[in-house]
Amino acid sequence: MPLFYFLGGLTFSRRGGFKAFLARKAKTLLIPYYIFSLYFIAKPLAVILIPSLSSTFHSSHDYGNAGRQLFKVLIMGDGLWFLMAFFVGEIVMYGLTSLFETTFSMWTGFCS
């Protein structure tokens, strides 16, 4: 996982403006996050739709609170948290690089 973040930082690019950046990051990080989250929510969703299935699953999970488990996976990032964290990190990095670029260009303009 550290290699994932390291390589992501090496390939960081702000091209195309913020709207294009956000769309690109949503497509490459959030869509895979939600698609692979389907794997983590398959059993809880099945228990919500067909409650009698909870007794047939031989697992240590408590499927009595399947709604809470759906919230944890889809909103809180349980399981694939690193994709959501990387998305948020990329947005923060975009803001920081924009701020530093503006500050640096303003500073160099005063020094000339």
N, C-alpha and C. Protein backbone atom coordinates (compact mmCIF):
# COMPACT_ATOMS: atom_id res chain seq x y z
N MET A 1 0.81 -1.20 0.00
CA MET A 1 0.00 0.00 0.00
C MET A 1 0.86 1.27 0.00
N PRO A 2 1.96 1.33 0.72
CA PRO A 2 2.80 2.53 0.63
C PRO A 2 3.28 2.78 -0.80
N LEU A 3 3.54 1.71 -1.54
CA LEU A 3 3.96 1.86 -2.93
C LEU A 3 2.84 2.49 -3.76
N PHE A 4 1.60 2.13 -3.48
CA PHE A 4 0.44 2.71 -4.17
C PHE A 4 0.42 4.22 -3.98
N TYR A 5 0.60 4.67 -2.74
CA TYR A 5 0.60 6.11 -2.46
C TYR A 5 1.83 6.79 -3.06
N PHE A 6 2.98 6.15 -2.98
CA PHE A 6 4.21 6.72 -3.53
C PHE A 6 4.09 6.92 -5.04
N LEU A 7 3.65 5.89 -5.74
CA LEU A 7 3.52 6.00 -7.19
C LEU A 7 2.43 6.99 -7.58
N GLY A 8 1.37 7.06 -6.80
CA GLY A 8 0.32 8.04 -7.05
C GLY A 8 0.83 9.46 -6.90
N GLY A 9 1.70 9.68 -5.91
CA GLY A 9 2.31 10.99 -5.73
C GLY A 9 3.26 11.35 -6.86
N LEU A 10 3.97 10.37 -7.36
CA LEU A 10 4.89 10.62 -8.47
C LEU A 10 4.16 10.99 -9.76
N THR A 11 2.97 10.45 -9.92
CA THR A 11 2.22 10.70 -11.15
C THR A 11 1.17 11.79 -11.00
N PHE A 12 1.20 12.54 -9.91
CA PHE A 12 0.23 13.60 -9.67
C PHE A 12 0.33 14.68 -10.74
N SER A 13 -0.83 15.08 -11.27
CA SER A 13 -0.88 16.12 -12.30
C SER A 13 -2.15 16.93 -12.14
N ARG A 14 -2.01 18.26 -12.28
CA ARG A 14 -3.18 19.15 -12.15
C ARG A 14 -3.73 19.57 -13.51
N ARG A 15 -3.38 18.92 -14.56
CA ARG A 15 -3.77 19.35 -15.91
C ARG A 15 -5.28 19.42 -16.08
N GLY A 16 -5.70 20.40 -16.84
CA GLY A 16 -7.11 20.51 -17.21
C GLY A 16 -8.00 21.30 -16.29
N GLY A 17 -7.48 21.88 -15.23
CA GLY A 17 -8.32 22.63 -14.31
C GLY A 17 -8.97 21.71 -13.28
N PHE A 18 -9.58 22.34 -12.27
CA PHE A 18 -10.11 21.56 -11.15
C PHE A 18 -11.27 20.66 -11.55
N LYS A 19 -12.16 21.14 -12.39
CA LYS A 19 -13.33 20.34 -12.77
C LYS A 19 -12.90 19.06 -13.51
N ALA A 20 -11.96 19.20 -14.44
CA ALA A 20 -11.46 18.03 -15.17
C ALA A 20 -10.68 17.11 -14.23
N PHE A 21 -9.91 17.70 -13.32
CA PHE A 21 -9.15 16.93 -12.34
C PHE A 21 -10.09 16.10 -11.47
N LEU A 22 -11.13 16.74 -10.97
CA LEU A 22 -12.09 16.05 -10.11
C LEU A 22 -12.81 14.93 -10.85
N ALA A 23 -13.20 15.19 -12.09
CA ALA A 23 -13.87 14.16 -12.89
C ALA A 23 -12.93 12.98 -13.15
N ARG A 24 -11.67 13.27 -13.45
CA ARG A 24 -10.69 12.21 -13.72
C ARG A 24 -10.45 11.38 -12.48
N LYS A 25 -10.31 12.03 -11.33
CA LYS A 25 -10.05 11.29 -10.09
C LYS A 25 -11.28 10.49 -9.65
N ALA A 26 -12.46 11.03 -9.85
CA ALA A 26 -13.68 10.28 -9.52
C ALA A 26 -13.78 9.04 -10.40
N LYS A 27 -13.44 9.18 -11.66
CA LYS A 27 -13.52 8.05 -12.59
C LYS A 27 -12.48 6.98 -12.26
N THR A 28 -11.28 7.39 -11.87
CA THR A 28 -10.22 6.42 -11.65
C THR A 28 -10.14 5.90 -10.22
N LEU A 29 -10.76 6.59 -9.26
CA LEU A 29 -10.68 6.14 -7.87
C LEU A 29 -12.04 5.80 -7.27
N LEU A 30 -13.03 6.65 -7.45
CA LEU A 30 -14.32 6.42 -6.81
C LEU A 30 -15.13 5.32 -7.48
N ILE A 31 -15.11 5.27 -8.81
CA ILE A 31 -15.87 4.22 -9.50
C ILE A 31 -15.32 2.84 -9.14
N PRO A 32 -13.99 2.62 -9.19
CA PRO A 32 -13.49 1.31 -8.73
C PRO A 32 -13.80 1.04 -7.26
N TYR A 33 -13.76 2.09 -6.44
CA TYR A 33 -14.08 1.93 -5.02
C TYR A 33 -15.49 1.38 -4.85
N TYR A 34 -16.46 1.98 -5.52
CA TYR A 34 -17.84 1.53 -5.36
C TYR A 34 -18.10 0.20 -6.06
N ILE A 35 -17.44 -0.06 -7.17
CA ILE A 35 -17.63 -1.36 -7.83
C ILE A 35 -17.09 -2.49 -6.97
N PHE A 36 -15.87 -2.32 -6.42
CA PHE A 36 -15.31 -3.37 -5.57
C PHE A 36 -16.01 -3.43 -4.21
N SER A 37 -16.66 -2.36 -3.81
CA SER A 37 -17.44 -2.38 -2.57
C SER A 37 -18.64 -3.31 -2.70
N LEU A 38 -19.11 -3.52 -3.92
CA LEU A 38 -20.23 -4.44 -4.12
C LEU A 38 -19.90 -5.83 -3.59
N TYR A 39 -18.64 -6.21 -3.70
CA TYR A 39 -18.20 -7.50 -3.16
C TYR A 39 -18.41 -7.55 -1.65
N PHE A 40 -18.06 -6.45 -0.97
CA PHE A 40 -18.16 -6.41 0.49
C PHE A 40 -19.60 -6.31 0.99
N ILE A 41 -20.51 -5.83 0.15
CA ILE A 41 -21.88 -5.65 0.61
C ILE A 41 -22.84 -6.71 0.07
N ALA A 42 -22.34 -7.69 -0.65
CA ALA A 42 -23.21 -8.70 -1.24
C ALA A 42 -24.01 -9.46 -0.18
N LYS A 43 -23.33 -9.97 0.84
CA LYS A 43 -24.03 -10.73 1.88
C LYS A 43 -24.98 -9.85 2.70
N PRO A 44 -24.53 -8.68 3.20
CA PRO A 44 -25.49 -7.86 3.96
C PRO A 44 -26.70 -7.45 3.14
N LEU A 45 -26.49 -7.17 1.86
CA LEU A 45 -27.60 -6.79 1.00
C LEU A 45 -28.56 -7.97 0.80
N ALA A 46 -28.00 -9.16 0.65
CA ALA A 46 -28.84 -10.35 0.52
C ALA A 46 -29.67 -10.58 1.78
N VAL A 47 -29.07 -10.33 2.95
CA VAL A 47 -29.79 -10.51 4.22
C VAL A 47 -30.89 -9.47 4.37
N ILE A 48 -30.64 -8.24 3.90
CA ILE A 48 -31.68 -7.22 3.96
C ILE A 48 -32.85 -7.60 3.05
N LEU A 49 -32.53 -8.07 1.85
CA LEU A 49 -33.59 -8.42 0.89
C LEU A 49 -34.30 -9.71 1.27
N ILE A 50 -33.56 -10.71 1.76
CA ILE A 50 -34.13 -12.01 2.13
C ILE A 50 -33.62 -12.37 3.53
N PRO A 51 -34.31 -11.94 4.58
CA PRO A 51 -33.82 -12.15 5.96
C PRO A 51 -33.58 -13.61 6.33
N SER A 52 -34.29 -14.55 5.71
CA SER A 52 -34.11 -15.95 6.07
C SER A 52 -32.73 -16.49 5.67
N LEU A 53 -32.01 -15.75 4.84
CA LEU A 53 -30.67 -16.19 4.42
C LEU A 53 -29.63 -16.07 5.53
N SER A 54 -29.88 -15.26 6.53
CA SER A 54 -28.87 -15.03 7.57
C SER A 54 -28.47 -16.33 8.27
N SER A 55 -29.41 -17.26 8.40
CA SER A 55 -29.08 -18.52 9.06
C SER A 55 -28.30 -19.47 8.15
N THR A 56 -28.38 -19.27 6.83
CA THR A 56 -27.66 -20.16 5.92
C THR A 56 -26.21 -19.76 5.71
N PHE A 57 -25.85 -18.51 6.01
CA PHE A 57 -24.47 -18.08 5.87
C PHE A 57 -23.66 -18.58 7.06
N HIS A 58 -22.64 -19.34 6.79
CA HIS A 58 -21.78 -19.86 7.85
C HIS A 58 -20.59 -18.91 7.99
N SER A 59 -20.79 -17.88 8.78
CA SER A 59 -19.77 -16.85 8.94
C SER A 59 -19.81 -16.31 10.36
N SER A 60 -18.71 -15.66 10.76
CA SER A 60 -18.66 -15.08 12.10
C SER A 60 -19.28 -13.69 12.13
N HIS A 61 -19.70 -13.16 10.99
CA HIS A 61 -20.30 -11.82 10.93
C HIS A 61 -21.71 -11.83 11.50
N ASP A 62 -22.08 -10.73 12.12
CA ASP A 62 -23.44 -10.55 12.62
C ASP A 62 -24.23 -9.82 11.53
N TYR A 63 -25.09 -10.53 10.84
CA TYR A 63 -25.86 -9.92 9.76
C TYR A 63 -27.17 -9.33 10.26
N GLY A 64 -27.36 -9.29 11.58
CA GLY A 64 -28.56 -8.70 12.13
C GLY A 64 -28.62 -7.20 11.90
N ASN A 65 -27.47 -6.56 11.79
CA ASN A 65 -27.40 -5.13 11.57
C ASN A 65 -26.77 -4.85 10.20
N ALA A 66 -27.39 -5.36 9.16
CA ALA A 66 -26.84 -5.25 7.81
C ALA A 66 -26.84 -3.81 7.31
N GLY A 67 -27.80 -3.00 7.74
CA GLY A 67 -27.83 -1.59 7.32
C GLY A 67 -26.60 -0.84 7.82
N ARG A 68 -26.19 -1.13 9.04
CA ARG A 68 -24.98 -0.50 9.59
C ARG A 68 -23.75 -0.94 8.80
N GLN A 69 -23.71 -2.20 8.41
CA GLN A 69 -22.58 -2.69 7.63
C GLN A 69 -22.53 -2.04 6.25
N LEU A 70 -23.70 -1.83 5.64
CA LEU A 70 -23.74 -1.12 4.35
C LEU A 70 -23.20 0.29 4.50
N PHE A 71 -23.58 0.98 5.57
CA PHE A 71 -23.08 2.33 5.84
C PHE A 71 -21.57 2.32 6.00
N LYS A 72 -21.05 1.35 6.75
CA LYS A 72 -19.61 1.28 6.98
C LYS A 72 -18.85 1.07 5.68
N VAL A 73 -19.36 0.25 4.79
CA VAL A 73 -18.66 -0.04 3.54
C VAL A 73 -18.79 1.11 2.55
N LEU A 74 -20.02 1.58 2.32
CA LEU A 74 -20.25 2.57 1.27
C LEU A 74 -19.85 3.99 1.66
N ILE A 75 -20.02 4.36 2.90
CA ILE A 75 -19.75 5.73 3.33
C ILE A 75 -18.42 5.84 4.07
N MET A 76 -18.18 4.96 5.00
CA MET A 76 -16.99 5.07 5.84
C MET A 76 -15.75 4.42 5.23
N GLY A 77 -15.90 3.67 4.16
CA GLY A 77 -14.75 3.11 3.47
C GLY A 77 -14.18 1.84 4.09
N ASP A 78 -14.99 1.09 4.78
CA ASP A 78 -14.52 -0.15 5.38
C ASP A 78 -14.07 -1.11 4.28
N GLY A 79 -12.88 -1.65 4.38
CA GLY A 79 -12.38 -2.59 3.39
C GLY A 79 -11.50 -1.94 2.35
N LEU A 80 -11.99 -0.96 1.66
CA LEU A 80 -11.22 -0.29 0.60
C LEU A 80 -10.94 1.16 0.96
N TRP A 81 -10.68 1.41 2.22
CA TRP A 81 -10.48 2.76 2.72
C TRP A 81 -9.37 3.50 1.99
N PHE A 82 -8.36 2.78 1.52
CA PHE A 82 -7.21 3.44 0.91
C PHE A 82 -7.57 4.16 -0.39
N LEU A 83 -8.56 3.67 -1.13
CA LEU A 83 -8.98 4.37 -2.35
C LEU A 83 -9.66 5.69 -2.02
N MET A 84 -10.53 5.67 -1.01
CA MET A 84 -11.21 6.90 -0.59
C MET A 84 -10.19 7.88 0.01
N ALA A 85 -9.26 7.36 0.82
CA ALA A 85 -8.23 8.22 1.42
C ALA A 85 -7.34 8.83 0.35
N PHE A 86 -7.02 8.06 -0.68
CA PHE A 86 -6.19 8.58 -1.76
C PHE A 86 -6.94 9.66 -2.55
N PHE A 87 -8.24 9.46 -2.76
CA PHE A 87 -9.06 10.45 -3.45
C PHE A 87 -9.05 11.77 -2.68
N VAL A 88 -9.30 11.70 -1.38
CA VAL A 88 -9.30 12.90 -0.54
C VAL A 88 -7.91 13.54 -0.55
N GLY A 89 -6.87 12.72 -0.46
CA GLY A 89 -5.50 13.23 -0.50
C GLY A 89 -5.18 13.95 -1.80
N GLU A 90 -5.66 13.42 -2.89
CA GLU A 90 -5.42 14.06 -4.20
C GLU A 90 -6.12 15.42 -4.26
N ILE A 91 -7.32 15.52 -3.72
CA ILE A 91 -8.04 16.80 -3.71
C ILE A 91 -7.29 17.82 -2.85
N VAL A 92 -6.83 17.38 -1.68
CA VAL A 92 -6.06 18.27 -0.80
C VAL A 92 -4.76 18.69 -1.50
N MET A 93 -4.11 17.75 -2.15
CA MET A 93 -2.86 18.06 -2.86
C MET A 93 -3.09 19.07 -3.97
N TYR A 94 -4.20 18.96 -4.67
CA TYR A 94 -4.53 19.93 -5.72
C TYR A 94 -4.63 21.33 -5.11
N GLY A 95 -5.33 21.44 -4.00
CA GLY A 95 -5.47 22.73 -3.34
C GLY A 95 -4.14 23.28 -2.86
N LEU A 96 -3.31 22.42 -2.26
CA LEU A 96 -2.01 22.88 -1.76
C LEU A 96 -1.09 23.32 -2.89
N THR A 97 -1.04 22.55 -3.96
CA THR A 97 -0.16 22.94 -5.07
C THR A 97 -0.66 24.22 -5.73
N SER A 98 -1.97 24.41 -5.81
CA SER A 98 -2.51 25.66 -6.36
C SER A 98 -2.15 26.83 -5.47
N LEU A 99 -2.27 26.64 -4.16
CA LEU A 99 -1.95 27.70 -3.20
C LEU A 99 -0.47 28.05 -3.26
N PHE A 100 0.40 27.05 -3.27
CA PHE A 100 1.83 27.31 -3.31
C PHE A 100 2.26 27.93 -4.63
N GLU A 101 1.63 27.52 -5.72
CA GLU A 101 1.97 28.11 -7.02
C GLU A 101 1.59 29.59 -7.04
N THR A 102 0.42 29.92 -6.52
CA THR A 102 -0.04 31.31 -6.46
C THR A 102 0.86 32.13 -5.54
N THR A 103 1.15 31.58 -4.36
CA THR A 103 2.00 32.28 -3.40
C THR A 103 3.40 32.48 -3.94
N PHE A 104 3.96 31.45 -4.57
CA PHE A 104 5.31 31.54 -5.10
C PHE A 104 5.39 32.54 -6.24
N SER A 105 4.40 32.53 -7.14
CA SER A 105 4.43 33.47 -8.26
C SER A 105 4.24 34.91 -7.76
N MET A 106 3.43 35.09 -6.72
CA MET A 106 3.25 36.41 -6.15
C MET A 106 4.54 36.88 -5.46
N TRP A 107 5.21 35.97 -4.76
CA TRP A 107 6.46 36.29 -4.06
C TRP A 107 7.56 36.64 -5.03
N THR A 108 7.67 35.87 -6.12
CA THR A 108 8.72 36.16 -7.10
C THR A 108 8.43 37.45 -7.84
N GLY A 109 7.17 37.83 -7.97
CA GLY A 109 6.82 39.09 -8.61
C GLY A 109 7.24 40.27 -7.77
N PHE A 110 7.20 40.13 -6.44
CA PHE A 110 7.63 41.21 -5.55
C PHE A 110 9.15 41.35 -5.53
N CYS A 111 9.84 40.24 -5.74
CA CYS A 111 11.31 40.26 -5.64
C CYS A 111 11.97 40.76 -6.92
N SER A 112 11.26 40.83 -8.03
CA SER A 112 11.90 41.24 -9.28
C SER A 112 11.99 42.73 -9.39
